[in-house]
């Protein structure tokens, strides 16, 4: 059932990313073994499910919403995301947003900075979803440059 979610991408045994699941897909997360859901979309995002938190917590799944503005991602949001993901790294987590674009960038950066994955390897998974737009390229640069890492847009 998870594989049918728009933008579905399994990163590793515990981390899955996706776009917005439908109400039916949300109701199947518990039986799919998901223990935590992190939602980076705004409640007003395209296809948002109004009672998402109720549906998820009703299955005994921990639900965290960390809304990230599409045109204005903030470093503090990424830092909070990293804290959450680090604490949950040994547990089954689904991270989603409207189309898995915000998530793919945050997970790309998390993997490079906290898991020691190379930029090229982490970018390969991000590129399965998209090549970041200028706003998101600027955000990537702002996060990576201070630590001496560089991301190059594929040709």
N, C-alpha and C. Protein backbone atom coordinates (compact mmCIF):
# COMPACT_ATOMS: atom_id res chain seq x y z
N UNK A 1 0.82 -1.20 0.00
CA UNK A 1 0.00 0.00 0.00
C UNK A 1 0.86 1.26 0.00
N UNK A 2 1.97 1.26 0.77
CA UNK A 2 2.82 2.45 0.80
C UNK A 2 3.34 2.81 -0.58
N UNK A 3 3.70 1.79 -1.36
CA UNK A 3 4.28 2.03 -2.67
C UNK A 3 3.35 2.79 -3.62
N UNK A 4 2.06 2.77 -3.33
CA UNK A 4 1.10 3.46 -4.19
C UNK A 4 0.97 4.96 -3.86
N UNK A 5 1.60 5.41 -2.79
CA UNK A 5 1.54 6.83 -2.43
C UNK A 5 2.35 7.62 -3.46
N UNK A 6 1.77 8.71 -3.91
CA UNK A 6 2.45 9.59 -4.86
C UNK A 6 3.86 9.96 -4.35
N UNK A 7 4.86 9.86 -5.20
CA UNK A 7 6.21 10.25 -4.83
C UNK A 7 6.88 9.33 -3.83
N UNK A 8 6.36 8.11 -3.66
CA UNK A 8 6.91 7.16 -2.70
C UNK A 8 8.38 6.89 -2.98
N UNK A 9 9.20 6.91 -1.93
CA UNK A 9 10.61 6.56 -2.06
C UNK A 9 11.10 6.00 -0.74
N UNK A 10 11.56 4.74 -0.76
CA UNK A 10 12.14 4.14 0.43
C UNK A 10 13.62 4.49 0.46
N UNK A 11 14.04 5.15 1.53
CA UNK A 11 15.43 5.56 1.68
C UNK A 11 16.26 4.43 2.29
N UNK A 12 15.74 3.82 3.35
CA UNK A 12 16.38 2.67 3.98
C UNK A 12 15.31 1.88 4.73
N UNK A 13 15.72 0.94 5.53
CA UNK A 13 14.76 0.06 6.20
C UNK A 13 13.78 0.81 7.10
N UNK A 14 14.19 1.95 7.63
CA UNK A 14 13.33 2.69 8.55
C UNK A 14 12.77 3.99 8.00
N UNK A 15 13.35 4.52 6.95
CA UNK A 15 12.94 5.84 6.46
C UNK A 15 12.30 5.75 5.09
N UNK A 16 11.08 6.24 5.02
CA UNK A 16 10.32 6.30 3.77
C UNK A 16 9.86 7.73 3.57
N UNK A 17 9.89 8.19 2.32
CA UNK A 17 9.41 9.53 2.01
C UNK A 17 8.32 9.43 0.95
N UNK A 18 7.49 10.47 0.89
CA UNK A 18 6.38 10.44 -0.07
C UNK A 18 5.75 11.81 -0.19
N UNK A 19 4.89 11.93 -1.20
CA UNK A 19 4.00 13.08 -1.30
C UNK A 19 2.82 12.83 -0.38
N UNK A 20 1.78 13.63 -0.52
CA UNK A 20 0.62 13.54 0.35
C UNK A 20 -0.14 12.22 0.15
N UNK A 21 -0.21 11.39 1.20
CA UNK A 21 -1.03 10.19 1.10
C UNK A 21 -2.52 10.56 1.08
N UNK A 22 -3.32 9.73 0.44
CA UNK A 22 -4.77 9.91 0.47
C UNK A 22 -5.28 9.46 1.83
N UNK A 23 -6.54 9.73 2.11
CA UNK A 23 -7.14 9.30 3.38
C UNK A 23 -7.06 7.79 3.51
N UNK A 24 -7.31 7.07 2.42
CA UNK A 24 -7.24 5.61 2.45
C UNK A 24 -5.82 5.13 2.74
N UNK A 25 -4.85 5.75 2.12
CA UNK A 25 -3.45 5.38 2.35
C UNK A 25 -3.02 5.71 3.78
N UNK A 26 -3.47 6.84 4.30
CA UNK A 26 -3.17 7.19 5.68
C UNK A 26 -3.71 6.14 6.64
N UNK A 27 -4.91 5.64 6.37
CA UNK A 27 -5.53 4.67 7.28
C UNK A 27 -4.84 3.32 7.25
N UNK A 28 -3.95 3.10 6.28
CA UNK A 28 -3.23 1.83 6.19
C UNK A 28 -1.80 1.91 6.74
N UNK A 29 -1.38 3.07 7.23
CA UNK A 29 0.01 3.22 7.69
C UNK A 29 0.34 2.33 8.88
N UNK A 30 -0.60 2.19 9.81
CA UNK A 30 -0.34 1.34 10.98
C UNK A 30 -0.10 -0.10 10.60
N UNK A 31 -0.92 -0.63 9.72
CA UNK A 31 -0.75 -2.02 9.29
C UNK A 31 0.50 -2.20 8.43
N UNK A 32 1.02 -1.10 7.88
CA UNK A 32 2.26 -1.16 7.09
C UNK A 32 3.49 -1.05 7.99
N UNK A 33 3.27 -0.88 9.29
CA UNK A 33 4.39 -0.86 10.22
C UNK A 33 5.00 0.51 10.50
N UNK A 34 4.38 1.56 10.01
CA UNK A 34 4.89 2.91 10.26
C UNK A 34 4.62 3.29 11.71
N UNK A 35 5.63 3.79 12.39
CA UNK A 35 5.48 4.19 13.79
C UNK A 35 5.38 5.68 13.99
N UNK A 36 5.89 6.45 13.01
CA UNK A 36 5.92 7.90 13.13
C UNK A 36 5.68 8.51 11.75
N UNK A 37 4.96 9.62 11.72
CA UNK A 37 4.75 10.39 10.50
C UNK A 37 5.18 11.82 10.77
N UNK A 38 6.05 12.34 9.91
CA UNK A 38 6.44 13.75 9.95
C UNK A 38 5.90 14.38 8.68
N UNK A 39 5.09 15.41 8.84
CA UNK A 39 4.46 16.08 7.71
C UNK A 39 5.07 17.48 7.57
N UNK A 40 5.75 17.73 6.44
CA UNK A 40 6.35 19.04 6.19
C UNK A 40 5.43 19.97 5.41
N UNK A 41 4.27 19.48 5.00
CA UNK A 41 3.34 20.31 4.22
C UNK A 41 2.53 21.22 5.14
N UNK A 42 2.00 22.27 4.55
CA UNK A 42 1.09 23.14 5.28
C UNK A 42 -0.29 22.48 5.31
N UNK A 43 -1.09 22.77 6.31
CA UNK A 43 -2.44 22.21 6.34
C UNK A 43 -3.28 22.62 5.13
N UNK A 44 -2.89 23.70 4.48
CA UNK A 44 -3.61 24.20 3.30
C UNK A 44 -3.00 23.72 1.99
N UNK A 45 -2.02 22.82 2.05
CA UNK A 45 -1.37 22.32 0.83
C UNK A 45 -2.35 21.55 -0.04
N UNK A 46 -2.00 21.47 -1.31
CA UNK A 46 -2.79 20.71 -2.26
C UNK A 46 -3.02 19.29 -1.77
N UNK A 47 -4.25 18.84 -1.82
CA UNK A 47 -4.62 17.48 -1.45
C UNK A 47 -4.44 17.15 0.03
N UNK A 48 -4.23 18.15 0.88
CA UNK A 48 -4.10 17.88 2.32
C UNK A 48 -5.35 17.17 2.82
N UNK A 49 -5.16 16.26 3.73
CA UNK A 49 -6.27 15.53 4.34
C UNK A 49 -6.60 16.22 5.65
N UNK A 50 -7.81 16.73 5.75
CA UNK A 50 -8.22 17.57 6.88
C UNK A 50 -8.01 16.91 8.23
N UNK A 51 -8.33 15.64 8.34
CA UNK A 51 -8.23 14.96 9.64
C UNK A 51 -7.02 14.02 9.70
N UNK A 52 -5.95 14.40 9.03
CA UNK A 52 -4.75 13.55 8.96
C UNK A 52 -4.23 13.18 10.35
N UNK A 53 -4.07 14.15 11.22
CA UNK A 53 -3.52 13.86 12.55
C UNK A 53 -4.41 12.88 13.32
N UNK A 54 -5.71 13.05 13.24
CA UNK A 54 -6.65 12.16 13.93
C UNK A 54 -6.56 10.75 13.37
N UNK A 55 -6.51 10.64 12.05
CA UNK A 55 -6.42 9.34 11.39
C UNK A 55 -5.14 8.61 11.81
N UNK A 56 -4.05 9.32 11.85
CA UNK A 56 -2.75 8.71 12.16
C UNK A 56 -2.63 8.37 13.64
N UNK A 57 -2.94 9.31 14.50
CA UNK A 57 -2.81 9.03 15.94
C UNK A 57 -3.82 7.98 16.40
N UNK A 58 -4.94 7.87 15.71
CA UNK A 58 -5.93 6.84 16.02
C UNK A 58 -5.42 5.44 15.78
N UNK A 59 -4.35 5.31 15.01
CA UNK A 59 -3.72 4.01 14.75
C UNK A 59 -2.55 3.76 15.70
N UNK A 60 -2.33 4.70 16.64
CA UNK A 60 -1.21 4.57 17.57
C UNK A 60 0.11 5.04 16.98
N UNK A 61 0.03 5.80 15.90
CA UNK A 61 1.22 6.33 15.25
C UNK A 61 1.46 7.75 15.75
N UNK A 62 2.72 8.06 16.04
CA UNK A 62 3.10 9.40 16.46
C UNK A 62 3.06 10.33 15.25
N UNK A 63 2.39 11.49 15.37
CA UNK A 63 2.25 12.43 14.26
C UNK A 63 2.88 13.76 14.62
N UNK A 64 3.76 14.24 13.74
CA UNK A 64 4.43 15.51 13.95
C UNK A 64 4.27 16.35 12.68
N UNK A 65 3.77 17.55 12.83
CA UNK A 65 3.67 18.43 11.67
C UNK A 65 4.65 19.58 11.85
N UNK A 66 5.52 19.72 10.85
CA UNK A 66 6.52 20.78 10.82
C UNK A 66 6.36 21.49 9.48
N UNK A 67 5.37 22.40 9.39
CA UNK A 67 5.07 23.01 8.10
C UNK A 67 6.19 23.90 7.58
N UNK A 68 6.57 23.66 6.33
CA UNK A 68 7.64 24.41 5.67
C UNK A 68 7.02 25.13 4.47
N UNK A 69 7.14 26.44 4.45
CA UNK A 69 6.64 27.23 3.32
C UNK A 69 7.41 26.85 2.06
N UNK A 70 6.69 26.58 0.98
CA UNK A 70 7.30 26.15 -0.28
C UNK A 70 8.34 27.16 -0.77
N UNK A 71 8.01 28.43 -0.74
CA UNK A 71 8.90 29.45 -1.28
C UNK A 71 9.83 30.06 -0.24
N UNK A 72 9.81 29.55 0.98
CA UNK A 72 10.63 30.17 2.03
C UNK A 72 11.06 29.15 3.09
N UNK A 73 11.81 28.10 2.70
CA UNK A 73 12.29 27.16 3.71
C UNK A 73 13.25 27.88 4.66
N UNK A 74 13.22 27.49 5.92
CA UNK A 74 14.06 28.14 6.92
C UNK A 74 15.02 27.15 7.57
N UNK A 75 16.20 27.62 7.87
CA UNK A 75 17.22 26.79 8.50
C UNK A 75 16.72 26.20 9.81
N UNK A 76 16.01 26.97 10.61
CA UNK A 76 15.52 26.48 11.89
C UNK A 76 14.56 25.29 11.70
N UNK A 77 13.79 25.30 10.63
CA UNK A 77 12.90 24.17 10.35
C UNK A 77 13.71 22.93 10.00
N UNK A 78 14.75 23.12 9.20
CA UNK A 78 15.61 21.99 8.85
C UNK A 78 16.31 21.45 10.10
N UNK A 79 16.78 22.32 10.97
CA UNK A 79 17.45 21.88 12.20
C UNK A 79 16.49 21.08 13.08
N UNK A 80 15.26 21.53 13.19
CA UNK A 80 14.24 20.80 13.97
C UNK A 80 13.97 19.44 13.34
N UNK A 81 13.86 19.42 12.01
CA UNK A 81 13.67 18.17 11.28
C UNK A 81 14.81 17.20 11.59
N UNK A 82 16.03 17.68 11.55
CA UNK A 82 17.19 16.81 11.84
C UNK A 82 17.13 16.25 13.25
N UNK A 83 16.75 17.07 14.21
CA UNK A 83 16.61 16.59 15.58
C UNK A 83 15.58 15.47 15.67
N UNK A 84 14.43 15.68 15.03
CA UNK A 84 13.38 14.66 15.04
C UNK A 84 13.86 13.37 14.38
N UNK A 85 14.43 13.49 13.20
CA UNK A 85 14.84 12.30 12.47
C UNK A 85 15.95 11.56 13.20
N UNK A 86 16.84 12.29 13.84
CA UNK A 86 17.93 11.65 14.57
C UNK A 86 17.38 10.82 15.74
N UNK A 87 16.43 11.39 16.46
CA UNK A 87 15.83 10.67 17.59
C UNK A 87 15.09 9.43 17.11
N UNK A 88 14.47 9.51 15.93
CA UNK A 88 13.64 8.42 15.41
C UNK A 88 14.38 7.49 14.45
N UNK A 89 15.69 7.64 14.31
CA UNK A 89 16.45 6.95 13.26
C UNK A 89 16.38 5.43 13.31
N UNK A 90 16.06 4.86 14.44
CA UNK A 90 15.98 3.40 14.57
C UNK A 90 14.54 2.90 14.48
N UNK A 91 13.61 3.79 14.14
CA UNK A 91 12.20 3.44 14.10
C UNK A 91 11.61 3.72 12.72
N UNK A 92 10.54 3.03 12.34
CA UNK A 92 9.94 3.24 11.02
C UNK A 92 9.21 4.58 10.92
N UNK A 93 9.71 5.43 10.02
CA UNK A 93 9.21 6.79 9.87
C UNK A 93 8.79 7.03 8.42
N UNK A 94 7.66 7.68 8.25
CA UNK A 94 7.25 8.20 6.95
C UNK A 94 7.31 9.70 7.04
N UNK A 95 8.08 10.34 6.15
CA UNK A 95 8.13 11.79 6.07
C UNK A 95 7.45 12.17 4.76
N UNK A 96 6.48 13.07 4.84
CA UNK A 96 5.81 13.47 3.60
C UNK A 96 5.56 14.96 3.57
N UNK A 97 5.28 15.44 2.36
CA UNK A 97 4.80 16.80 2.12
C UNK A 97 3.81 16.67 0.96
N UNK A 98 3.53 17.73 0.27
CA UNK A 98 2.53 17.65 -0.79
C UNK A 98 2.99 16.78 -1.96
N UNK A 99 4.24 16.92 -2.39
CA UNK A 99 4.74 16.20 -3.57
C UNK A 99 6.08 15.49 -3.35
N UNK A 100 6.58 15.46 -2.13
CA UNK A 100 7.87 14.88 -1.76
C UNK A 100 9.04 15.73 -2.25
N UNK A 101 8.82 16.97 -2.54
CA UNK A 101 9.92 17.84 -2.96
C UNK A 101 10.62 18.47 -1.75
N UNK A 102 9.87 19.07 -0.85
CA UNK A 102 10.46 19.61 0.39
C UNK A 102 11.18 18.51 1.14
N UNK A 103 10.49 17.39 1.26
CA UNK A 103 11.05 16.25 2.00
C UNK A 103 12.33 15.76 1.36
N UNK A 104 12.34 15.63 0.03
CA UNK A 104 13.54 15.09 -0.63
C UNK A 104 14.76 15.97 -0.37
N UNK A 105 14.58 17.29 -0.32
CA UNK A 105 15.70 18.18 -0.02
C UNK A 105 16.12 18.04 1.44
N UNK A 106 15.18 18.05 2.35
CA UNK A 106 15.53 17.91 3.76
C UNK A 106 16.23 16.57 4.03
N UNK A 107 15.74 15.50 3.43
CA UNK A 107 16.35 14.18 3.64
C UNK A 107 17.73 14.13 2.98
N UNK A 108 17.87 14.69 1.80
CA UNK A 108 19.17 14.79 1.15
C UNK A 108 20.18 15.45 2.09
N UNK A 109 19.83 16.61 2.61
CA UNK A 109 20.74 17.34 3.50
C UNK A 109 21.00 16.58 4.80
N UNK A 110 19.97 15.98 5.36
CA UNK A 110 20.13 15.20 6.60
C UNK A 110 21.13 14.06 6.38
N UNK A 111 20.95 13.34 5.28
CA UNK A 111 21.83 12.19 5.03
C UNK A 111 23.28 12.63 4.86
N UNK A 112 23.51 13.72 4.18
CA UNK A 112 24.87 14.23 3.98
C UNK A 112 25.47 14.68 5.31
N UNK A 113 24.73 15.47 6.07
CA UNK A 113 25.27 16.08 7.28
C UNK A 113 25.29 15.17 8.50
N UNK A 114 24.33 14.23 8.59
CA UNK A 114 24.22 13.43 9.81
C UNK A 114 24.49 11.95 9.63
N UNK A 115 24.46 11.48 8.40
CA UNK A 115 24.72 10.06 8.17
C UNK A 115 26.02 9.83 7.40
N UNK A 116 26.68 10.89 6.98
CA UNK A 116 27.94 10.76 6.28
C UNK A 116 27.82 10.22 4.86
N UNK A 117 26.64 10.31 4.28
CA UNK A 117 26.42 9.87 2.91
C UNK A 117 27.01 10.94 1.98
N UNK A 118 27.62 10.52 0.90
CA UNK A 118 28.20 11.49 -0.03
C UNK A 118 27.10 12.33 -0.68
N UNK A 119 27.47 13.53 -1.09
CA UNK A 119 26.52 14.41 -1.77
C UNK A 119 25.97 13.71 -3.01
N UNK A 120 26.85 13.06 -3.77
CA UNK A 120 26.42 12.39 -5.00
C UNK A 120 25.42 11.28 -4.73
N UNK A 121 25.68 10.47 -3.72
CA UNK A 121 24.78 9.35 -3.40
C UNK A 121 23.44 9.87 -2.88
N UNK A 122 23.47 10.84 -2.00
CA UNK A 122 22.23 11.40 -1.46
C UNK A 122 21.44 12.13 -2.55
N UNK A 123 22.15 12.81 -3.44
CA UNK A 123 21.49 13.55 -4.52
C UNK A 123 20.80 12.60 -5.50
N UNK A 124 21.36 11.42 -5.70
CA UNK A 124 20.75 10.46 -6.63
C UNK A 124 19.32 10.14 -6.22
N UNK A 125 19.07 9.95 -4.95
CA UNK A 125 17.70 9.68 -4.48
C UNK A 125 16.83 10.93 -4.60
N UNK A 126 17.37 12.09 -4.28
CA UNK A 126 16.60 13.33 -4.42
C UNK A 126 16.19 13.53 -5.88
N UNK A 127 17.09 13.22 -6.80
CA UNK A 127 16.80 13.42 -8.22
C UNK A 127 15.76 12.44 -8.76
N UNK A 128 15.48 11.39 -8.04
CA UNK A 128 14.37 10.51 -8.44
C UNK A 128 13.04 11.25 -8.30
N UNK A 129 13.03 12.24 -7.43
CA UNK A 129 11.82 13.03 -7.21
C UNK A 129 11.85 14.30 -8.06
N UNK A 130 12.98 15.02 -8.03
CA UNK A 130 13.10 16.27 -8.78
C UNK A 130 14.50 16.82 -8.71
N UNK A 131 14.77 17.80 -9.56
CA UNK A 131 15.97 18.63 -9.46
C UNK A 131 15.48 19.94 -8.85
N UNK A 132 16.03 20.31 -7.70
CA UNK A 132 15.50 21.46 -6.97
C UNK A 132 15.46 22.76 -7.79
N UNK A 133 14.42 23.55 -7.49
CA UNK A 133 14.20 24.86 -8.09
C UNK A 133 15.17 25.87 -7.47
N UNK A 134 15.25 27.08 -8.02
CA UNK A 134 16.19 28.08 -7.50
C UNK A 134 16.07 28.36 -6.00
N UNK A 135 14.85 28.47 -5.49
CA UNK A 135 14.68 28.72 -4.04
C UNK A 135 15.32 27.59 -3.24
N UNK A 136 15.09 26.38 -3.67
CA UNK A 136 15.61 25.22 -2.94
C UNK A 136 17.10 25.03 -3.17
N UNK A 137 17.60 25.41 -4.34
CA UNK A 137 19.05 25.37 -4.57
C UNK A 137 19.76 26.35 -3.64
N UNK A 138 19.18 27.51 -3.47
CA UNK A 138 19.75 28.50 -2.55
C UNK A 138 19.74 27.96 -1.11
N UNK A 139 18.67 27.30 -0.74
CA UNK A 139 18.60 26.71 0.61
C UNK A 139 19.66 25.63 0.78
N UNK A 140 19.80 24.76 -0.19
CA UNK A 140 20.83 23.70 -0.14
C UNK A 140 22.21 24.32 0.03
N UNK A 141 22.51 25.33 -0.75
CA UNK A 141 23.80 25.99 -0.68
C UNK A 141 24.02 26.61 0.70
N UNK A 142 23.00 27.26 1.24
CA UNK A 142 23.12 27.89 2.56
C UNK A 142 23.40 26.87 3.65
N UNK A 143 22.89 25.66 3.50
CA UNK A 143 23.12 24.62 4.50
C UNK A 143 24.48 23.94 4.30
N UNK A 144 24.84 23.67 3.06
CA UNK A 144 26.06 22.91 2.79
C UNK A 144 27.36 23.71 2.81
N UNK A 145 27.34 24.92 2.30
CA UNK A 145 28.58 25.69 2.19
C UNK A 145 29.30 25.89 3.52
N UNK A 146 28.59 26.21 4.60
CA UNK A 146 29.31 26.39 5.87
C UNK A 146 30.06 25.15 6.35
N UNK A 147 29.69 23.99 5.87
CA UNK A 147 30.39 22.76 6.28
C UNK A 147 31.31 22.24 5.18
N UNK A 148 31.48 23.05 4.14
CA UNK A 148 32.42 22.71 3.09
C UNK A 148 31.95 21.67 2.09
N UNK A 149 30.65 21.45 2.00
CA UNK A 149 30.08 20.51 1.04
C UNK A 149 29.47 21.31 -0.11
N UNK A 150 29.43 20.68 -1.29
CA UNK A 150 28.89 21.36 -2.46
C UNK A 150 27.96 20.45 -3.22
N UNK A 151 26.87 21.01 -3.68
CA UNK A 151 25.92 20.30 -4.53
C UNK A 151 25.94 20.95 -5.90
N UNK A 152 26.05 20.13 -6.92
CA UNK A 152 26.05 20.64 -8.28
C UNK A 152 24.81 20.13 -9.00
N UNK A 153 24.10 21.04 -9.64
CA UNK A 153 22.90 20.70 -10.37
C UNK A 153 23.29 19.81 -11.56
N UNK A 154 22.60 18.70 -11.74
CA UNK A 154 22.93 17.83 -12.89
C UNK A 154 22.59 18.52 -14.20
N UNK A 155 23.37 18.19 -15.21
CA UNK A 155 23.14 18.79 -16.53
C UNK A 155 22.10 18.03 -17.32
